[in-house]
Amino acid sequence: MNALIKQVESKYTKRQVVDVRSGDNVKVHQKIKEGNKERIQIFEGLVIRTDRKSSMTSTITVRRLASGVGVEKSFLLHSPLIEKVEITKRSKVRRKYLSYMRARSGKSARLAAMDFDKNAVNDISDPEAEAELVRIHEEQKKAHEAQAAEKATEDAKLEAKAAEVEARHKENS
């Protein structure tokens, strides 16, 4: 039974995920759907919690200040709505859950920064996902071209009808 669950989960997990830790400042690029439009929204803040790192349900909780109010958001790392997670700063912390950061503001909320290779940590390439993205763009392009061709034929039919009506009008005059 456990093997069956892992087999099903493996279809939906991302091949590579950024190694996010508590104390990292991150930019989470999340897809937002509004009606039939889709856009990417960036949520930037401090990772105060990481849960179940090796699981498909691995989550991070990101906290940021927005207009003087603390806002926390939890993200599933393997969710298809998460486009990418980019680490901007890595800090030295000794805990997995930084709940004490909620009570701090100003200078006391600063964490000691660590040196790290930003490019190496954030470099994740998934050829399958990129191929899938290219395939989706091609399908959208073909659908758009088909829609444009259909509209052009409709316009041609309307122009032919208009010309026919105009010719009848001239005959009757």
C-alpha atoms as a PDB file:
ATOM      1  CA  MET A   1       0.000   0.000   0.000  1.00  0.00           C
ATOM      2  CA  ASN A   2       2.807   2.391   0.908  1.00  0.00           C
ATOM      3  CA  ALA A   3       4.565   1.706  -2.419  1.00  0.00           C
ATOM      4  CA  LEU A   4       1.351   2.506  -4.283  1.00  0.00           C
ATOM      5  CA  ILE A   5       1.017   5.847  -2.488  1.00  0.00           C
ATOM      6  CA  LYS A   6       4.645   6.739  -3.273  1.00  0.00           C
ATOM      7  CA  GLN A   7       4.110   5.822  -6.926  1.00  0.00           C
ATOM      8  CA  VAL A   8       1.083   8.120  -7.211  1.00  0.00           C
ATOM      9  CA  GLU A   9       2.851  10.938  -5.330  1.00  0.00           C
ATOM     10  CA  SER A  10       5.923  10.696  -7.555  1.00  0.00           C
ATOM     11  CA  LYS A  11       3.837  11.795 -10.550  1.00  0.00           C
ATOM     12  CA  TYR A  12       2.979  15.083  -8.882  1.00  0.00           C
ATOM     13  CA  THR A  13       6.174  15.970  -7.031  1.00  0.00           C
ATOM     14  CA  LYS A  14       8.588  18.435  -8.569  1.00  0.00           C
ATOM     15  CA  ARG A  15      11.899  16.894  -9.588  1.00  0.00           C
ATOM     16  CA  GLN A  16      14.012  19.510  -7.829  1.00  0.00           C
ATOM     17  CA  VAL A  17      13.082  21.987  -5.141  1.00  0.00           C
ATOM     18  CA  VAL A  18      15.262  24.731  -3.652  1.00  0.00           C
ATOM     19  CA  ASP A  19      16.704  23.790  -0.250  1.00  0.00           C
ATOM     20  CA  VAL A  20      14.854  26.393   1.831  1.00  0.00           C
ATOM     21  CA  ARG A  21      15.696  26.665   5.527  1.00  0.00           C
ATOM     22  CA  SER A  22      14.348  28.647   8.445  1.00  0.00           C
ATOM     23  CA  GLY A  23      15.929  32.097   8.529  1.00  0.00           C
ATOM     24  CA  ASP A  24      16.117  32.479   4.739  1.00  0.00           C
ATOM     25  CA  ASN A  25      14.721  35.540   3.024  1.00  0.00           C
ATOM     26  CA  VAL A  26      12.866  34.266  -0.035  1.00  0.00           C
ATOM     27  CA  LYS A  27      10.839  35.425  -3.009  1.00  0.00           C
ATOM     28  CA  VAL A  28       7.995  33.021  -3.735  1.00  0.00           C
ATOM     29  CA  HIS A  29       6.615  33.321  -7.281  1.00  0.00           C
ATOM     30  CA  GLN A  30       3.002  32.150  -7.145  1.00  0.00           C
ATOM     31  CA  LYS A  31       0.481  31.811  -9.985  1.00  0.00           C
ATOM     32  CA  ILE A  32      -2.737  33.723  -9.365  1.00  0.00           C
ATOM     33  CA  LYS A  33      -5.855  33.129 -11.486  1.00  0.00           C
ATOM     34  CA  GLU A  34      -8.341  35.960 -11.756  1.00  0.00           C
ATOM     35  CA  GLY A  35     -11.207  35.014 -14.032  1.00  0.00           C
ATOM     36  CA  ASN A  36      -9.596  33.729 -17.222  1.00  0.00           C
ATOM     37  CA  LYS A  37      -6.368  35.702 -16.693  1.00  0.00           C
ATOM     38  CA  GLU A  38      -3.291  34.272 -15.038  1.00  0.00           C
ATOM     39  CA  ARG A  39      -0.438  36.240 -13.517  1.00  0.00           C
ATOM     40  CA  ILE A  40       2.504  35.668 -11.209  1.00  0.00           C
ATOM     41  CA  GLN A  41       2.568  37.339  -7.802  1.00  0.00           C
ATOM     42  CA  ILE A  42       5.775  37.578  -5.776  1.00  0.00           C
ATOM     43  CA  PHE A  43       5.610  37.232  -1.989  1.00  0.00           C
ATOM     44  CA  GLU A  44       8.896  38.218  -0.360  1.00  0.00           C
ATOM     45  CA  GLY A  45       9.689  37.620   3.289  1.00  0.00           C
ATOM     46  CA  LEU A  46      11.426  35.602   6.003  1.00  0.00           C
ATOM     47  CA  VAL A  47      10.947  31.837   6.265  1.00  0.00           C
ATOM     48  CA  ILE A  48       9.923  31.286   9.877  1.00  0.00           C
ATOM     49  CA  ARG A  49       9.008  27.612   9.551  1.00  0.00           C
ATOM     50  CA  THR A  50       9.755  24.584   7.393  1.00  0.00           C
ATOM     51  CA  ASP A  51       7.759  21.369   7.680  1.00  0.00           C
ATOM     52  CA  ARG A  52       8.129  17.851   6.272  1.00  0.00           C
ATOM     53  CA  LYS A  53      11.082  18.646   3.973  1.00  0.00           C
ATOM     54  CA  SER A  54      11.315  15.204   2.344  1.00  0.00           C
ATOM     55  CA  SER A  55       7.568  14.781   1.879  1.00  0.00           C
ATOM     56  CA  MET A  56       5.299  15.789  -0.970  1.00  0.00           C
ATOM     57  CA  THR A  57       3.426  17.954   1.533  1.00  0.00           C
ATOM     58  CA  SER A  58       6.522  19.951   2.473  1.00  0.00           C
ATOM     59  CA  THR A  59       5.563  23.487   3.409  1.00  0.00           C
ATOM     60  CA  ILE A  60       7.254  26.740   4.275  1.00  0.00           C
ATOM     61  CA  THR A  61       5.723  29.606   6.209  1.00  0.00           C
ATOM     62  CA  VAL A  62       6.877  33.025   5.045  1.00  0.00           C
ATOM     63  CA  ARG A  63       6.387  36.195   7.105  1.00  0.00           C
ATOM     64  CA  ARG A  64       6.641  39.778   5.951  1.00  0.00           C
ATOM     65  CA  LEU A  65       5.522  43.193   7.079  1.00  0.00           C
ATOM     66  CA  ALA A  66       2.911  44.825   4.857  1.00  0.00           C
ATOM     67  CA  SER A  67       1.910  48.381   5.856  1.00  0.00           C
ATOM     68  CA  GLY A  68       3.134  47.768   9.394  1.00  0.00           C
ATOM     69  CA  VAL A  69       1.105  44.574   9.812  1.00  0.00           C
ATOM     70  CA  GLY A  70       2.738  41.149   9.923  1.00  0.00           C
ATOM     71  CA  VAL A  71       1.444  38.837   7.173  1.00  0.00           C
ATOM     72  CA  GLU A  72       2.223  35.117   7.153  1.00  0.00           C
ATOM     73  CA  LYS A  73       1.562  32.803   4.258  1.00  0.00           C
ATOM     74  CA  SER A  74       2.151  29.046   4.003  1.00  0.00           C
ATOM     75  CA  PHE A  75       3.212  27.544   0.693  1.00  0.00           C
ATOM     76  CA  LEU A  76       3.259  23.918  -0.440  1.00  0.00           C
ATOM     77  CA  LEU A  77       6.592  23.568  -2.228  1.00  0.00           C
ATOM     78  CA  HIS A  78       5.363  20.882  -4.639  1.00  0.00           C
ATOM     79  CA  SER A  79       2.196  22.769  -5.586  1.00  0.00           C
ATOM     80  CA  PRO A  80       1.777  23.468  -9.304  1.00  0.00           C
ATOM     81  CA  LEU A  81       0.787  27.032  -8.366  1.00  0.00           C
ATOM     82  CA  ILE A  82       4.290  27.747  -7.031  1.00  0.00           C
ATOM     83  CA  GLU A  83       6.365  28.786 -10.019  1.00  0.00           C
ATOM     84  CA  LYS A  84       9.667  29.111  -8.165  1.00  0.00           C
ATOM     85  CA  VAL A  85      11.215  29.929  -4.813  1.00  0.00           C
ATOM     86  CA  GLU A  86      14.266  32.190  -4.876  1.00  0.00           C
ATOM     87  CA  ILE A  87      16.519  32.605  -1.843  1.00  0.00           C
ATOM     88  CA  THR A  88      17.795  36.183  -1.501  1.00  0.00           C
ATOM     89  CA  LYS A  89      19.509  36.029   1.897  1.00  0.00           C
ATOM     90  CA  ARG A  90      20.495  33.240   4.252  1.00  0.00           C
ATOM     91  CA  SER A  91      20.739  33.872   8.000  1.00  0.00           C
ATOM     92  CA  LYS A  92      22.259  31.883  10.820  1.00  0.00           C
ATOM     93  CA  VAL A  93      19.542  30.503  13.093  1.00  0.00           C
ATOM     94  CA  ARG A  94      19.533  27.629  15.550  1.00  0.00           C
ATOM     95  CA  ARG A  95      15.852  26.751  15.428  1.00  0.00           C
ATOM     96  CA  LYS A  96      13.460  25.216  12.952  1.00  0.00           C
ATOM     97  CA  TYR A  97      10.495  27.405  13.995  1.00  0.00           C
ATOM     98  CA  LEU A  98      11.192  31.109  14.487  1.00  0.00           C
ATOM     99  CA  SER A  99       8.007  32.062  16.361  1.00  0.00           C
ATOM    100  CA  TYR A 100       9.920  34.657  18.388  1.00  0.00           C
ATOM    101  CA  MET A 101      10.266  36.809  15.240  1.00  0.00           C
ATOM    102  CA  ARG A 102       6.581  37.734  15.497  1.00  0.00           C
ATOM    103  CA  ALA A 103       7.202  39.793  18.617  1.00  0.00           C
ATOM    104  CA  ARG A 104      10.226  41.606  17.194  1.00  0.00           C
ATOM    105  CA  SER A 105      10.381  44.719  15.082  1.00  0.00           C
ATOM    106  CA  GLY A 106      13.027  47.151  13.939  1.00  0.00           C
ATOM    107  CA  LYS A 107      16.652  46.388  14.733  1.00  0.00           C
ATOM    108  CA  SER A 108      15.834  43.499  17.067  1.00  0.00           C
ATOM    109  CA  ALA A 109      14.221  41.671  14.129  1.00  0.00           C
ATOM    110  CA  ARG A 110      17.529  41.472  12.255  1.00  0.00           C
ATOM    111  CA  LEU A 111      19.257  38.119  11.852  1.00  0.00           C
ATOM    112  CA  ALA A 112      22.993  37.541  11.336  1.00  0.00           C
ATOM    113  CA  ALA A 113      23.616  36.938   7.628  1.00  0.00           C
ATOM    114  CA  MET A 114      25.641  33.992   6.322  1.00  0.00           C
ATOM    115  CA  ASP A 115      27.718  33.902   3.170  1.00  0.00           C
ATOM    116  CA  PHE A 116      26.308  31.527   0.552  1.00  0.00           C
ATOM    117  CA  ASP A 117      26.480  31.028  -3.199  1.00  0.00           C
ATOM    118  CA  LYS A 118      23.184  32.559  -4.340  1.00  0.00           C
ATOM    119  CA  ASN A 119      23.493  31.300  -7.925  1.00  0.00           C
ATOM    120  CA  ALA A 120      24.260  27.708  -6.960  1.00  0.00           C
ATOM    121  CA  VAL A 121      21.422  27.522  -4.423  1.00  0.00           C
ATOM    122  CA  ASN A 122      18.794  29.018  -6.721  1.00  0.00           C
ATOM    123  CA  ASP A 123      19.853  27.191  -9.906  1.00  0.00           C
ATOM    124  CA  ILE A 124      17.243  24.531 -10.505  1.00  0.00           C
ATOM    125  CA  SER A 125      16.535  23.365 -14.016  1.00  0.00           C
ATOM    126  CA  ASP A 126      13.834  20.819 -14.701  1.00  0.00           C
ATOM    127  CA  PRO A 127      13.963  19.842 -18.390  1.00  0.00           C
ATOM    128  CA  GLU A 128      10.627  18.005 -18.199  1.00  0.00           C
ATOM    129  CA  ALA A 129       8.847  21.044 -16.781  1.00  0.00           C
ATOM    130  CA  GLU A 130      10.476  23.322 -19.348  1.00  0.00           C
ATOM    131  CA  ALA A 131       9.437  20.964 -22.169  1.00  0.00           C
ATOM    132  CA  GLU A 132       5.902  20.909 -20.762  1.00  0.00           C
ATOM    133  CA  LEU A 133       5.860  24.720 -20.668  1.00  0.00           C
ATOM    134  CA  VAL A 134       7.022  24.902 -24.284  1.00  0.00           C
ATOM    135  CA  ARG A 135       4.335  22.373 -25.284  1.00  0.00           C
ATOM    136  CA  ILE A 136       1.637  24.412 -23.534  1.00  0.00           C
ATOM    137  CA  HIS A 137       2.792  27.606 -25.278  1.00  0.00           C
ATOM    138  CA  GLU A 138       2.701  25.808 -28.652  1.00  0.00           C
ATOM    139  CA  GLU A 139      -0.844  24.553 -27.969  1.00  0.00           C
ATOM    140  CA  GLN A 140      -1.960  28.053 -27.001  1.00  0.00           C
ATOM    141  CA  LYS A 141      -0.371  29.458 -30.154  1.00  0.00           C
ATOM    142  CA  LYS A 142      -2.124  26.863 -32.364  1.00  0.00           C
ATOM    143  CA  ALA A 143      -5.457  27.518 -30.640  1.00  0.00           C
ATOM    144  CA  HIS A 144      -4.993  31.265 -31.145  1.00  0.00           C
ATOM    145  CA  GLU A 145      -4.152  30.782 -34.831  1.00  0.00           C
ATOM    146  CA  ALA A 146      -7.195  28.517 -35.305  1.00  0.00           C
ATOM    147  CA  GLN A 147      -9.386  31.104 -33.611  1.00  0.00           C
ATOM    148  CA  ALA A 148      -7.957  33.855 -35.849  1.00  0.00           C
ATOM    149  CA  ALA A 149      -8.574  31.737 -38.967  1.00  0.00           C
ATOM    150  CA  GLU A 150     -12.163  31.065 -37.857  1.00  0.00           C
ATOM    151  CA  LYS A 151     -12.719  34.779 -37.291  1.00  0.00           C
ATOM    152  CA  ALA A 152     -11.255  35.560 -40.714  1.00  0.00           C
ATOM    153  CA  THR A 153     -13.680  33.121 -42.417  1.00  0.00           C
ATOM    154  CA  GLU A 154     -16.602  34.655 -40.505  1.00  0.00           C
ATOM    155  CA  ASP A 155     -15.486  38.135 -41.582  1.00  0.00           C
ATOM    156  CA  ALA A 156     -15.221  36.955 -45.200  1.00  0.00           C
ATOM    157  CA  LYS A 157     -18.762  35.520 -45.050  1.00  0.00           C
ATOM    158  CA  LEU A 158     -20.091  38.775 -43.584  1.00  0.00           C
ATOM    159  CA  GLU A 159     -18.356  40.814 -46.290  1.00  0.00           C
ATOM    160  CA  ALA A 160     -19.810  38.545 -49.001  1.00  0.00           C
ATOM    161  CA  LYS A 161     -23.310  38.991 -47.538  1.00  0.00           C
ATOM    162  CA  ALA A 162     -22.822  42.743 -47.317  1.00  0.00           C
ATOM    163  CA  ALA A 163     -21.692  42.863 -50.964  1.00  0.00           C
ATOM    164  CA  GLU A 164     -24.696  40.754 -52.005  1.00  0.00           C
ATOM    165  CA  VAL A 165     -27.107  43.016 -50.125  1.00  0.00           C
ATOM    166  CA  GLU A 166     -25.480  46.079 -51.671  1.00  0.00           C
ATOM    167  CA  ALA A 167     -25.785  44.575 -55.162  1.00  0.00           C
ATOM    168  CA  ARG A 168     -29.508  43.825 -54.621  1.00  0.00           C
ATOM    169  CA  HIS A 169     -30.011  47.347 -53.340  1.00  0.00           C
ATOM    170  CA  LYS A 170     -28.434  48.782 -56.491  1.00  0.00           C
ATOM    171  CA  GLU A 171     -30.647  46.534 -58.678  1.00  0.00           C
ATOM    172  CA  ASN A 172     -33.784  47.729 -56.940  1.00  0.00           C
ATOM    173  CA  SER A 173     -32.796  51.409 -57.254  1.00  0.00           C
END
